[in-house]
Amino acid sequence: SLLVTMGFATTYAITHFMGKTLLAIPTMVQVHGLLNVLGFCVAGLLGLYRSRPAPT
């Protein structure tokens, strides 16, 4: 997740610096945000769920 989202951020930054628009900022926000939610939050919640001790 981190490599993909940072790839999007780097692509946006480089093309913006060059004066081109490969990724518009609304698209960048949606894609970057969604991938971060799926990659970090969901994975973290699953890890937290799995690490809880079994009820006795």
Protein backbone atom coordinates (compact mmCIF):
# COMPACT_ATOMS: atom_id res chain seq x y z
CA SER A 1 0.00 0.00 0.00
CA LEU A 2 2.75 2.42 0.92
CA LEU A 3 4.68 1.91 -2.31
CA VAL A 4 1.58 2.35 -4.47
CA THR A 5 0.32 5.48 -2.72
CA MET A 6 3.78 7.06 -2.67
CA GLY A 7 4.07 6.22 -6.36
CA PHE A 8 0.88 8.17 -7.00
CA ALA A 9 2.14 11.08 -4.87
CA THR A 10 5.51 11.11 -6.65
CA THR A 11 3.87 10.97 -10.07
CA TYR A 12 1.58 13.85 -9.14
CA ALA A 13 4.47 15.94 -7.78
CA ILE A 14 6.76 15.38 -10.76
CA THR A 15 4.11 16.04 -13.39
CA HIS A 16 2.89 19.11 -11.48
CA PHE A 17 6.48 20.41 -11.34
CA MET A 18 6.83 19.85 -15.10
CA GLY A 19 3.63 21.80 -15.73
CA LYS A 20 1.62 18.81 -16.89
CA THR A 21 -1.49 17.20 -15.46
CA LEU A 22 -1.38 13.43 -15.43
CA LEU A 23 -3.36 13.12 -12.20
CA ALA A 24 -5.79 15.85 -11.23
CA ILE A 25 -5.84 16.68 -7.53
CA PRO A 26 -9.42 15.39 -6.96
CA THR A 27 -8.42 12.05 -8.50
CA MET A 28 -5.21 12.03 -6.50
CA VAL A 29 -7.07 12.66 -3.24
CA GLN A 30 -9.60 9.91 -3.94
CA VAL A 31 -7.09 7.26 -5.03
CA HIS A 32 -4.45 8.12 -2.43
CA GLY A 33 -7.01 8.27 0.38
CA LEU A 34 -8.80 5.07 -0.57
CA LEU A 35 -5.59 3.08 -0.89
CA ASN A 36 -4.33 4.40 2.45
CA VAL A 37 -7.60 3.45 4.13
CA LEU A 38 -7.52 -0.04 2.67
CA GLY A 39 -3.81 -0.57 3.14
CA PHE A 40 -3.29 0.84 6.62
CA CYS A 41 -6.56 1.15 8.52
CA VAL A 42 -8.17 -2.12 7.46
CA ALA A 43 -4.90 -4.03 7.84
CA GLY A 44 -4.34 -2.46 11.27
CA LEU A 45 -7.85 -3.29 12.42
CA LEU A 46 -7.50 -6.88 11.23
CA GLY A 47 -4.20 -7.19 13.09
CA LEU A 48 -5.76 -5.74 16.23
CA TYR A 49 -8.70 -8.12 15.95
CA ARG A 50 -6.42 -11.13 15.52
CA SER A 51 -4.19 -10.15 18.45
CA ARG A 52 -7.00 -10.10 21.01
CA PRO A 53 -7.00 -13.06 23.38
CA ALA A 54 -9.78 -15.60 23.01
CA PRO A 55 -12.70 -15.13 25.41
CA THR A 56 -12.69 -17.47 28.39
